[in-house]
Amino acid sequence: MTTFFITLFKTISYVLFPRPIAFPKLREDGYRFFFFSREESRMHVHVVSGDGEAKFWLEPEIELAKNYHYSRKQLKNVESLIEDHYNELISAWKQHFSS
């Protein structure tokens, strides 16, 4: 019976609290790029650093979705990094969510 509740708890936790999927190679200029499993289906990437965090849509074009504490200059820098790694981000998204 205990095993049942542990399994149930893990399942509920996975659904309610998705874990981030990080791109180990995509840490640049102090920013870390990642996405969450089991979040919305529209392609996007989360970005975090010591200064704040943001979310950018990747399709139909790169666009800021949310911003928490980044300046305009920082957002411009992050968007430039996303553009530089766009194909890598799209590929990683498709690979992860197709499995």
PDB file of N, CA and C in Angstrom:
ATOM      1  N   MET A   1       0.830  -1.195   0.000  1.00  0.00           N
ATOM      2  CA  MET A   1       0.000   0.000   0.000  1.00  0.00           C
ATOM      3  C   MET A   1       0.871   1.254   0.000  1.00  0.00           C
ATOM      4  N   THR A   2       1.979   1.239   0.745  1.00  0.00           N
ATOM      5  CA  THR A   2       2.875   2.390   0.801  1.00  0.00           C
ATOM      6  C   THR A   2       3.458   2.685  -0.579  1.00  0.00           C
ATOM      7  N   THR A   3       3.822   1.646  -1.309  1.00  0.00           N
ATOM      8  CA  THR A   3       4.373   1.825  -2.652  1.00  0.00           C
ATOM      9  C   THR A   3       3.361   2.522  -3.560  1.00  0.00           C
ATOM     10  N   PHE A   4       2.111   2.160  -3.410  1.00  0.00           N
ATOM     11  CA  PHE A   4       1.062   2.799  -4.206  1.00  0.00           C
ATOM     12  C   PHE A   4       1.042   4.305  -3.963  1.00  0.00           C
ATOM     13  N   PHE A   5       1.093   4.730  -2.695  1.00  0.00           N
ATOM     14  CA  PHE A   5       1.039   6.153  -2.372  1.00  0.00           C
ATOM     15  C   PHE A   5       2.295   6.894  -2.820  1.00  0.00           C
ATOM     16  N   ILE A   6       3.430   6.260  -2.749  1.00  0.00           N
ATOM     17  CA  ILE A   6       4.669   6.878  -3.228  1.00  0.00           C
ATOM     18  C   ILE A   6       4.577   7.093  -4.740  1.00  0.00           C
ATOM     19  N   THR A   7       4.114   6.090  -5.468  1.00  0.00           N
ATOM     20  CA  THR A   7       3.958   6.209  -6.917  1.00  0.00           C
ATOM     21  C   THR A   7       2.935   7.288  -7.262  1.00  0.00           C
ATOM     22  N   LEU A   8       1.827   7.306  -6.543  1.00  0.00           N
ATOM     23  CA  LEU A   8       0.806   8.319  -6.767  1.00  0.00           C
ATOM     24  C   LEU A   8       1.358   9.722  -6.524  1.00  0.00           C
ATOM     25  N   PHE A   9       2.109   9.889  -5.442  1.00  0.00           N
ATOM     26  CA  PHE A   9       2.702  11.185  -5.118  1.00  0.00           C
ATOM     27  C   PHE A   9       3.667  11.633  -6.212  1.00  0.00           C
ATOM     28  N   LYS A  10       4.515  10.727  -6.679  1.00  0.00           N
ATOM     29  CA  LYS A  10       5.465  11.065  -7.738  1.00  0.00           C
ATOM     30  C   LYS A  10       4.736  11.480  -9.008  1.00  0.00           C
ATOM     31  N   THR A  11       3.664  10.783  -9.351  1.00  0.00           N
ATOM     32  CA  THR A  11       2.893  11.104 -10.544  1.00  0.00           C
ATOM     33  C   THR A  11       2.253  12.481 -10.416  1.00  0.00           C
ATOM     34  N   ILE A  12       1.634  12.736  -9.287  1.00  0.00           N
ATOM     35  CA  ILE A  12       0.996  14.035  -9.061  1.00  0.00           C
ATOM     36  C   ILE A  12       2.034  15.154  -9.073  1.00  0.00           C
ATOM     37  N   SER A  13       3.163  14.929  -8.429  1.00  0.00           N
ATOM     38  CA  SER A  13       4.233  15.930  -8.402  1.00  0.00           C
ATOM     39  C   SER A  13       4.728  16.240  -9.813  1.00  0.00           C
ATOM     40  N   TYR A  14       4.864  15.215 -10.639  1.00  0.00           N
ATOM     41  CA  TYR A  14       5.352  15.405 -11.999  1.00  0.00           C
ATOM     42  C   TYR A  14       4.382  16.263 -12.805  1.00  0.00           C
ATOM     43  N   VAL A  15       3.089  16.027 -12.605  1.00  0.00           N
ATOM     44  CA  VAL A  15       2.079  16.780 -13.343  1.00  0.00           C
ATOM     45  C   VAL A  15       1.978  18.216 -12.838  1.00  0.00           C
ATOM     46  N   LEU A  16       1.980  18.392 -11.525  1.00  0.00           N
ATOM     47  CA  LEU A  16       1.790  19.716 -10.949  1.00  0.00           C
ATOM     48  C   LEU A  16       3.046  20.573 -10.948  1.00  0.00           C
ATOM     49  N   PHE A  17       4.197  19.950 -10.831  1.00  0.00           N
ATOM     50  CA  PHE A  17       5.454  20.692 -10.721  1.00  0.00           C
ATOM     51  C   PHE A  17       6.445  20.186 -11.759  1.00  0.00           C
ATOM     52  N   PRO A  18       6.265  20.605 -13.012  1.00  0.00           N
ATOM     53  CA  PRO A  18       7.177  20.136 -14.058  1.00  0.00           C
ATOM     54  C   PRO A  18       8.613  20.564 -13.780  1.00  0.00           C
ATOM     55  N   ARG A  19       9.522  19.713 -14.157  1.00  0.00           N
ATOM     56  CA  ARG A  19      10.936  20.001 -13.930  1.00  0.00           C
ATOM     57  C   ARG A  19      11.533  20.660 -15.172  1.00  0.00           C
ATOM     58  N   PRO A  20      12.482  21.566 -14.971  1.00  0.00           N
ATOM     59  CA  PRO A  20      13.084  22.209 -16.143  1.00  0.00           C
ATOM     60  C   PRO A  20      14.001  21.260 -16.899  1.00  0.00           C
ATOM     61  N   ILE A  21      14.001  21.413 -18.174  1.00  0.00           N
ATOM     62  CA  ILE A  21      14.933  20.696 -19.037  1.00  0.00           C
ATOM     63  C   ILE A  21      15.939  21.737 -19.499  1.00  0.00           C
ATOM     64  N   ALA A  22      17.170  21.575 -19.071  1.00  0.00           N
ATOM     65  CA  ALA A  22      18.196  22.574 -19.387  1.00  0.00           C
ATOM     66  C   ALA A  22      18.990  22.147 -20.613  1.00  0.00           C
ATOM     67  N   PHE A  23      19.558  23.103 -21.261  1.00  0.00           N
ATOM     68  CA  PHE A  23      20.464  22.860 -22.370  1.00  0.00           C
ATOM     69  C   PHE A  23      21.870  23.121 -21.836  1.00  0.00           C
ATOM     70  N   PRO A  24      22.602  22.077 -21.483  1.00  0.00           N
ATOM     71  CA  PRO A  24      23.924  22.285 -20.881  1.00  0.00           C
ATOM     72  C   PRO A  24      24.850  23.172 -21.704  1.00  0.00           C
ATOM     73  N   LYS A  25      24.757  23.098 -23.017  1.00  0.00           N
ATOM     74  CA  LYS A  25      25.626  23.908 -23.864  1.00  0.00           C
ATOM     75  C   LYS A  25      25.132  25.346 -23.961  1.00  0.00           C
ATOM     76  N   LEU A  26      23.900  25.594 -23.534  1.00  0.00           N
ATOM     77  CA  LEU A  26      23.371  26.937 -23.673  1.00  0.00           C
ATOM     78  C   LEU A  26      23.389  27.691 -22.353  1.00  0.00           C
ATOM     79  N   ARG A  27      24.573  27.961 -21.944  1.00  0.00           N
ATOM     80  CA  ARG A  27      24.840  28.875 -20.840  1.00  0.00           C
ATOM     81  C   ARG A  27      25.822  29.874 -21.420  1.00  0.00           C
ATOM     82  N   GLU A  28      25.334  31.071 -21.584  1.00  0.00           N
ATOM     83  CA  GLU A  28      26.175  32.064 -22.243  1.00  0.00           C
ATOM     84  C   GLU A  28      25.946  33.431 -21.621  1.00  0.00           C
ATOM     85  N   ASP A  29      27.028  34.158 -21.423  1.00  0.00           N
ATOM     86  CA  ASP A  29      26.969  35.508 -20.856  1.00  0.00           C
ATOM     87  C   ASP A  29      26.213  35.556 -19.527  1.00  0.00           C
ATOM     88  N   GLY A  30      26.272  34.462 -18.767  1.00  0.00           N
ATOM     89  CA  GLY A  30      25.604  34.415 -17.468  1.00  0.00           C
ATOM     90  C   GLY A  30      24.140  34.014 -17.534  1.00  0.00           C
ATOM     91  N   TYR A  31      23.635  33.700 -18.717  1.00  0.00           N
ATOM     92  CA  TYR A  31      22.245  33.292 -18.892  1.00  0.00           C
ATOM     93  C   TYR A  31      22.169  31.776 -19.061  1.00  0.00           C
ATOM     94  N   ARG A  32      21.110  31.189 -18.500  1.00  0.00           N
ATOM     95  CA  ARG A  32      20.852  29.758 -18.681  1.00  0.00           C
ATOM     96  C   ARG A  32      19.524  29.618 -19.417  1.00  0.00           C
ATOM     97  N   PHE A  33      19.504  28.807 -20.468  1.00  0.00           N
ATOM     98  CA  PHE A  33      18.321  28.614 -21.302  1.00  0.00           C
ATOM     99  C   PHE A  33      17.738  27.234 -21.029  1.00  0.00           C
ATOM    100  N   PHE A  34      16.426  27.158 -20.879  1.00  0.00           N
ATOM    101  CA  PHE A  34      15.790  25.879 -20.595  1.00  0.00           C
ATOM    102  C   PHE A  34      14.305  25.943 -20.926  1.00  0.00           C
ATOM    103  N   PHE A  35      13.661  24.782 -20.919  1.00  0.00           N
ATOM    104  CA  PHE A  35      12.212  24.738 -20.997  1.00  0.00           C
ATOM    105  C   PHE A  35      11.711  23.704 -20.010  1.00  0.00           C
ATOM    106  N   PHE A  36      10.412  23.742 -19.727  1.00  0.00           N
ATOM    107  CA  PHE A  36       9.803  22.814 -18.790  1.00  0.00           C
ATOM    108  C   PHE A  36       9.063  21.729 -19.550  1.00  0.00           C
ATOM    109  N   SER A  37       9.204  20.507 -19.074  1.00  0.00           N
ATOM    110  CA  SER A  37       8.369  19.435 -19.596  1.00  0.00           C
ATOM    111  C   SER A  37       6.955  19.681 -19.107  1.00  0.00           C
ATOM    112  N   ARG A  38       5.999  19.288 -19.913  1.00  0.00           N
ATOM    113  CA  ARG A  38       4.589  19.342 -19.534  1.00  0.00           C
ATOM    114  C   ARG A  38       4.083  20.756 -19.300  1.00  0.00           C
ATOM    115  N   GLU A  39       4.627  21.692 -20.022  1.00  0.00           N
ATOM    116  CA  GLU A  39       4.110  23.055 -19.984  1.00  0.00           C
ATOM    117  C   GLU A  39       3.334  23.262 -21.281  1.00  0.00           C
ATOM    118  N   GLU A  40       3.092  24.482 -21.672  1.00  0.00           N
ATOM    119  CA  GLU A  40       2.315  24.729 -22.881  1.00  0.00           C
ATOM    120  C   GLU A  40       3.010  24.204 -24.130  1.00  0.00           C
ATOM    121  N   SER A  41       2.195  23.905 -25.138  1.00  0.00           N
ATOM    122  CA  SER A  41       2.726  23.256 -26.341  1.00  0.00           C
ATOM    123  C   SER A  41       3.396  24.227 -27.314  1.00  0.00           C
ATOM    124  N   ARG A  42       3.102  25.512 -27.225  1.00  0.00           N
ATOM    125  CA  ARG A  42       3.733  26.489 -28.119  1.00  0.00           C
ATOM    126  C   ARG A  42       5.220  26.576 -27.801  1.00  0.00           C
ATOM    127  N   MET A  43       6.044  26.508 -28.826  1.00  0.00           N
ATOM    128  CA  MET A  43       7.498  26.510 -28.603  1.00  0.00           C
ATOM    129  C   MET A  43       7.955  27.799 -27.942  1.00  0.00           C
ATOM    130  N   HIS A  44       8.719  27.625 -26.875  1.00  0.00           N
ATOM    131  CA  HIS A  44       9.254  28.776 -26.143  1.00  0.00           C
ATOM    132  C   HIS A  44      10.470  28.344 -25.345  1.00  0.00           C
ATOM    133  N   VAL A  45      11.192  29.327 -24.844  1.00  0.00           N
ATOM    134  CA  VAL A  45      12.366  29.046 -24.023  1.00  0.00           C
ATOM    135  C   VAL A  45      12.356  29.992 -22.825  1.00  0.00           C
ATOM    136  N   HIS A  46      12.778  29.461 -21.693  1.00  0.00           N
ATOM    137  CA  HIS A  46      12.935  30.267 -20.486  1.00  0.00           C
ATOM    138  C   HIS A  46      14.407  30.634 -20.360  1.00  0.00           C
ATOM    139  N   VAL A  47      14.666  31.815 -19.822  1.00  0.00           N
ATOM    140  CA  VAL A  47      16.031  32.298 -19.639  1.00  0.00           C
ATOM    141  C   VAL A  47      16.126  32.830 -18.215  1.00  0.00           C
ATOM    142  N   VAL A  48      17.201  32.468 -17.535  1.00  0.00           N
ATOM    143  CA  VAL A  48      17.373  32.927 -16.155  1.00  0.00           C
ATOM    144  C   VAL A  48      18.833  33.294 -15.916  1.00  0.00           C
ATOM    145  N   SER A  49      19.023  34.285 -15.053  1.00  0.00           N
ATOM    146  CA  SER A  49      20.361  34.682 -14.609  1.00  0.00           C
ATOM    147  C   SER A  49      20.190  35.296 -13.226  1.00  0.00           C
ATOM    148  N   GLY A  50      21.266  35.773 -12.664  1.00  0.00           N
ATOM    149  CA  GLY A  50      21.198  36.405 -11.358  1.00  0.00           C
ATOM    150  C   GLY A  50      20.401  37.698 -11.350  1.00  0.00           C
ATOM    151  N   ASP A  51      20.198  38.276 -12.525  1.00  0.00           N
ATOM    152  CA  ASP A  51      19.481  39.556 -12.622  1.00  0.00           C
ATOM    153  C   ASP A  51      17.981  39.410 -12.830  1.00  0.00           C
ATOM    154  N   GLY A  52      17.525  38.259 -13.272  1.00  0.00           N
ATOM    155  CA  GLY A  52      16.102  38.091 -13.527  1.00  0.00           C
ATOM    156  C   GLY A  52      15.817  36.859 -14.348  1.00  0.00           C
ATOM    157  N   GLU A  53      14.638  36.857 -14.950  1.00  0.00           N
ATOM    158  CA  GLU A  53      14.258  35.748 -15.822  1.00  0.00           C
ATOM    159  C   GLU A  53      13.252  36.234 -16.845  1.00  0.00           C
ATOM    160  N   ALA A  54      13.147  35.478 -17.935  1.00  0.00           N
ATOM    161  CA  ALA A  54      12.235  35.843 -19.006  1.00  0.00           C
ATOM    162  C   ALA A  54      11.802  34.587 -19.746  1.00  0.00           C
ATOM    163  N   LYS A  55      10.763  34.757 -20.532  1.00  0.00           N
ATOM    164  CA  LYS A  55      10.255  33.685 -21.384  1.00  0.00           C
ATOM    165  C   LYS A  55      10.076  34.273 -22.774  1.00  0.00           C
ATOM    166  N   PHE A  56      10.578  33.568 -23.774  1.00  0.00           N
ATOM    167  CA  PHE A  56      10.470  34.015 -25.162  1.00  0.00           C
ATOM    168  C   PHE A  56       9.767  32.946 -25.990  1.00  0.00           C
ATOM    169  N   TRP A  57       8.793  33.374 -26.787  1.00  0.00           N
ATOM    170  CA  TRP A  57       8.199  32.489 -27.787  1.00  0.00           C
ATOM    171  C   TRP A  57       9.226  32.271 -28.886  1.00  0.00           C
ATOM    172  N   LEU A  58       9.267  31.069 -29.421  1.00  0.00           N
ATOM    173  CA  LEU A  58      10.163  30.763 -30.531  1.00  0.00           C
ATOM    174  C   LEU A  58       9.414  30.731 -31.858  1.00  0.00           C
ATOM    175  N   GLU A  59       8.114  30.550 -31.808  1.00  0.00           N
ATOM    176  CA  GLU A  59       7.294  30.510 -33.011  1.00  0.00           C
ATOM    177  C   GLU A  59       6.002  31.276 -32.778  1.00  0.00           C
ATOM    178  N   PRO A  60       5.436  31.911 -33.749  1.00  0.00           N
ATOM    179  CA  PRO A  60       5.875  31.921 -35.142  1.00  0.00           C
ATOM    180  C   PRO A  60       7.143  32.746 -35.371  1.00  0.00           C
ATOM    181  N   GLU A  61       7.493  33.593 -34.390  1.00  0.00           N
ATOM    182  CA  GLU A  61       8.767  34.319 -34.450  1.00  0.00           C
ATOM    183  C   GLU A  61       9.238  34.539 -33.019  1.00  0.00           C
ATOM    184  N   ILE A  62      10.473  34.892 -32.851  1.00  0.00           N
ATOM    185  CA  ILE A  62      11.014  35.150 -31.518  1.00  0.00           C
ATOM    186  C   ILE A  62      10.342  36.404 -30.963  1.00  0.00           C
ATOM    187  N   GLU A  63       9.726  36.240 -29.793  1.00  0.00           N
ATOM    188  CA  GLU A  63       8.981  37.343 -29.192  1.00  0.00           C
ATOM    189  C   GLU A  63       8.976  37.191 -27.671  1.00  0.00           C
ATOM    190  N   LEU A  64       9.163  38.281 -26.976  1.00  0.00           N
ATOM    191  CA  LEU A  64       9.132  38.258 -25.520  1.00  0.00           C
ATOM    192  C   LEU A  64       7.725  37.922 -25.034  1.00  0.00           C
ATOM    193  N   ALA A  65       7.631  36.919 -24.153  1.00  0.00           N
ATOM    194  CA  ALA A  65       6.338  36.541 -23.573  1.00  0.00           C
ATOM    195  C   ALA A  65       6.197  37.109 -22.162  1.00  0.00           C
ATOM    196  N   LYS A  66       7.264  36.993 -21.362  1.00  0.00           N
ATOM    197  CA  LYS A  66       7.243  37.498 -19.982  1.00  0.00           C
ATOM    198  C   LYS A  66       8.637  37.976 -19.601  1.00  0.00           C
ATOM    199  N   ASN A  67       8.680  38.968 -18.747  1.00  0.00           N
ATOM    200  CA  ASN A  67       9.954  39.506 -18.279  1.00  0.00           C
ATOM    201  C   ASN A  67       9.861  39.814 -16.795  1.00  0.00           C
ATOM    202  N   TYR A  68      10.845  39.378 -16.055  1.00  0.00           N
ATOM    203  CA  TYR A  68      10.937  39.662 -14.627  1.00  0.00           C
ATOM    204  C   TYR A  68      12.319  40.247 -14.330  1.00  0.00           C
ATOM    205  N   HIS A  69      12.400  41.546 -14.297  1.00  0.00           N
ATOM    206  CA  HIS A  69      13.568  42.288 -13.829  1.00  0.00           C
ATOM    207  C   HIS A  69      14.694  42.511 -14.829  1.00  0.00           C
ATOM    208  N   TYR A  70      14.553  42.085 -16.075  1.00  0.00           N
ATOM    209  CA  TYR A  70      15.594  42.391 -17.052  1.00  0.00           C
ATOM    210  C   TYR A  70      15.366  43.786 -17.636  1.00  0.00           C
ATOM    211  N   SER A  71      16.463  44.467 -17.879  1.00  0.00           N
ATOM    212  CA  SER A  71      16.389  45.775 -18.546  1.00  0.00           C
ATOM    213  C   SER A  71      16.188  45.556 -20.050  1.00  0.00           C
ATOM    214  N   ARG A  72      15.879  46.620 -20.761  1.00  0.00           N
ATOM    215  CA  ARG A  72      15.734  46.522 -22.214  1.00  0.00           C
ATOM    216  C   ARG A  72      17.030  46.058 -22.869  1.00  0.00           C
ATOM    217  N   LYS A  73      18.128  46.543 -22.359  1.00  0.00           N
ATOM    218  CA  LYS A  73      19.438  46.154 -22.901  1.00  0.00           C
ATOM    219  C   LYS A  73      19.672  44.651 -22.709  1.00  0.00           C
ATOM    220  N   GLN A  74      19.346  44.144 -21.525  1.00  0.00           N
ATOM    221  CA  GLN A  74      19.512  42.717 -21.260  1.00  0.00           C
ATOM    222  C   GLN A  74      18.590  41.881 -22.147  1.00  0.00           C
ATOM    223  N   LEU A  75      17.346  42.333 -22.309  1.00  0.00           N
ATOM    224  CA  LEU A  75      16.409  41.605 -23.163  1.00  0.00           C
ATOM    225  C   LEU A  75      16.890  41.561 -24.609  1.00  0.00           C
ATOM    226  N   LYS A  76      17.459  42.656 -25.051  1.00  0.00           N
ATOM    227  CA  LYS A  76      18.003  42.690 -26.419  1.00  0.00           C
ATOM    228  C   LYS A  76      19.159  41.696 -26.556  1.00  0.00           C
ATOM    229  N   ASN A  77      20.004  41.623 -25.544  1.00  0.00           N
ATOM    230  CA  ASN A  77      21.116  40.679 -25.534  1.00  0.00           C
ATOM    231  C   ASN A  77      20.603  39.235 -25.536  1.00  0.00           C
ATOM    232  N   VAL A  78      19.617  38.957 -24.700  1.00  0.00           N
ATOM    233  CA  VAL A  78      19.048  37.606 -24.632  1.00  0.00           C
ATOM    234  C   VAL A  78      18.426  37.233 -25.969  1.00  0.00           C
ATOM    235  N   GLU A  79      17.669  38.140 -26.557  1.00  0.00           N
ATOM    236  CA  GLU A  79      17.042  37.856 -27.846  1.00  0.00           C
ATOM    237  C   GLU A  79      18.103  37.568 -28.913  1.00  0.00           C
ATOM    238  N   SER A  80      19.201  38.282 -28.863  1.00  0.00           N
ATOM    239  CA  SER A  80      20.295  38.044 -29.796  1.00  0.00           C
ATOM    240  C   SER A  80      20.893  36.642 -29.598  1.00  0.00           C
ATOM    241  N   LEU A  81      21.037  36.238 -28.346  1.00  0.00           N
ATOM    242  CA  LEU A  81      21.551  34.890 -28.056  1.00  0.00           C
ATOM    243  C   LEU A  81      20.579  33.824 -28.545  1.00  0.00           C
ATOM    244  N   ILE A  82      19.283  34.067 -28.384  1.00  0.00           N
ATOM    245  CA  ILE A  82      18.278  33.120 -28.881  1.00  0.00           C
ATOM    246  C   ILE A  82      18.371  33.016 -30.401  1.00  0.00           C
ATOM    247  N   GLU A  83      18.535  34.144 -31.062  1.00  0.00           N
ATOM    248  CA  GLU A  83      18.686  34.128 -32.522  1.00  0.00           C
ATOM    249  C   GLU A  83      19.918  33.323 -32.927  1.00  0.00           C
ATOM    250  N   ASP A  84      21.023  33.511 -32.198  1.00  0.00           N
ATOM    251  CA  ASP A  84      22.262  32.785 -32.498  1.00  0.00           C
ATOM    252  C   ASP A  84      22.101  31.271 -32.327  1.00  0.00           C
ATOM    253  N   HIS A  85      21.267  30.856 -31.389  1.00  0.00           N
ATOM    254  CA  HIS A  85      21.094  29.431 -31.070  1.00  0.00           C
ATOM    255  C   HIS A  85      19.715  28.907 -31.461  1.00  0.00           C
ATOM    256  N   TYR A  86      19.040  29.632 -32.328  1.00  0.00           N
ATOM    257  CA  TYR A  86      17.655  29.310 -32.682  1.00  0.00           C
ATOM    258  C   TYR A  86      17.495  27.862 -33.162  1.00  0.00           C
ATOM    259  N   ASN A  87      18.294  27.450 -34.120  1.00  0.00           N
ATOM    260  CA  ASN A  87      18.170  26.090 -34.666  1.00  0.00           C
ATOM    261  C   ASN A  87      18.424  25.034 -33.602  1.00  0.00           C
ATOM    262  N   GLU A  88      19.377  25.284 -32.743  1.00  0.00           N
ATOM    263  CA  GLU A  88      19.680  24.349 -31.652  1.00  0.00           C
ATOM    264  C   GLU A  88      18.495  24.245 -30.682  1.00  0.00           C
ATOM    265  N   LEU A  89      17.884  25.373 -30.361  1.00  0.00           N
ATOM    266  CA  LEU A  89      16.730  25.375 -29.459  1.00  0.00           C
ATOM    267  C   LEU A  89      15.542  24.637 -30.078  1.00  0.00           C
ATOM    268  N   ILE A  90      15.253  24.919 -31.334  1.00  0.00           N
ATOM    269  CA  ILE A  90      14.139  24.267 -32.021  1.00  0.00           C
ATOM    270  C   ILE A  90      14.375  22.759 -32.095  1.00  0.00           C
ATOM    271  N   SER A  91      15.577  22.369 -32.433  1.00  0.00           N
ATOM    272  CA  SER A  91      15.918  20.950 -32.531  1.00  0.00           C
ATOM    273  C   SER A  91      15.763  20.245 -31.182  1.00  0.00           C
ATOM    274  N   ALA A  92      16.267  20.874 -30.124  1.00  0.00           N
ATOM    275  CA  ALA A  92      16.159  20.283 -28.787  1.00  0.00           C
ATOM    276  C   ALA A  92      14.697  20.172 -28.359  1.00  0.00           C
ATOM    277  N   TRP A  93      13.901  21.197 -28.665  1.00  0.00           N
ATOM    278  CA  TRP A  93      12.472  21.163 -28.321  1.00  0.00           C
ATOM    279  C   TRP A  93      11.788  19.990 -29.015  1.00  0.00           C
ATOM    280  N   LYS A  94      11.990  19.891 -30.331  1.00  0.00           N
ATOM    281  CA  LYS A  94      11.351  18.822 -31.104  1.00  0.00           C
ATOM    282  C   LYS A  94      11.803  17.450 -30.633  1.00  0.00           C
ATOM    283  N   GLN A  95      13.085  17.321 -30.365  1.00  0.00           N
ATOM    284  CA  GLN A  95      13.606  16.031 -29.911  1.00  0.00           C
ATOM    285  C   GLN A  95      12.991  15.651 -28.565  1.00  0.00           C
ATOM    286  N   HIS A  96      12.925  16.586 -27.656  1.00  0.00           N
ATOM    287  CA  HIS A  96      12.392  16.274 -26.318  1.00  0.00           C
ATOM    288  C   HIS A  96      10.896  15.987 -26.356  1.00  0.00           C
ATOM    289  N   PHE A  97      10.132  16.800 -27.046  1.00  0.00           N
ATOM    290  CA  PHE A  97       8.683  16.655 -26.994  1.00  0.00           C
ATOM    291  C   PHE A  97       8.138  15.629 -27.973  1.00  0.00           C
ATOM    292  N   SER A  98       8.962  15.130 -28.877  1.00  0.00           N
ATOM    293  CA  SER A  98       8.498  14.059 -29.765  1.00  0.00           C
ATOM    294  C   SER A  98       8.668  12.691 -29.127  1.00  0.00           C
ATOM    295  N   SER A  99       9.443  12.637 -28.058  1.00  0.00           N
ATOM    296  CA  SER A  99       9.668  11.334 -27.413  1.00  0.00           C
ATOM    297  C   SER A  99       8.650  11.037 -26.358  1.00  0.00           C
TER     298      SER A  99
END
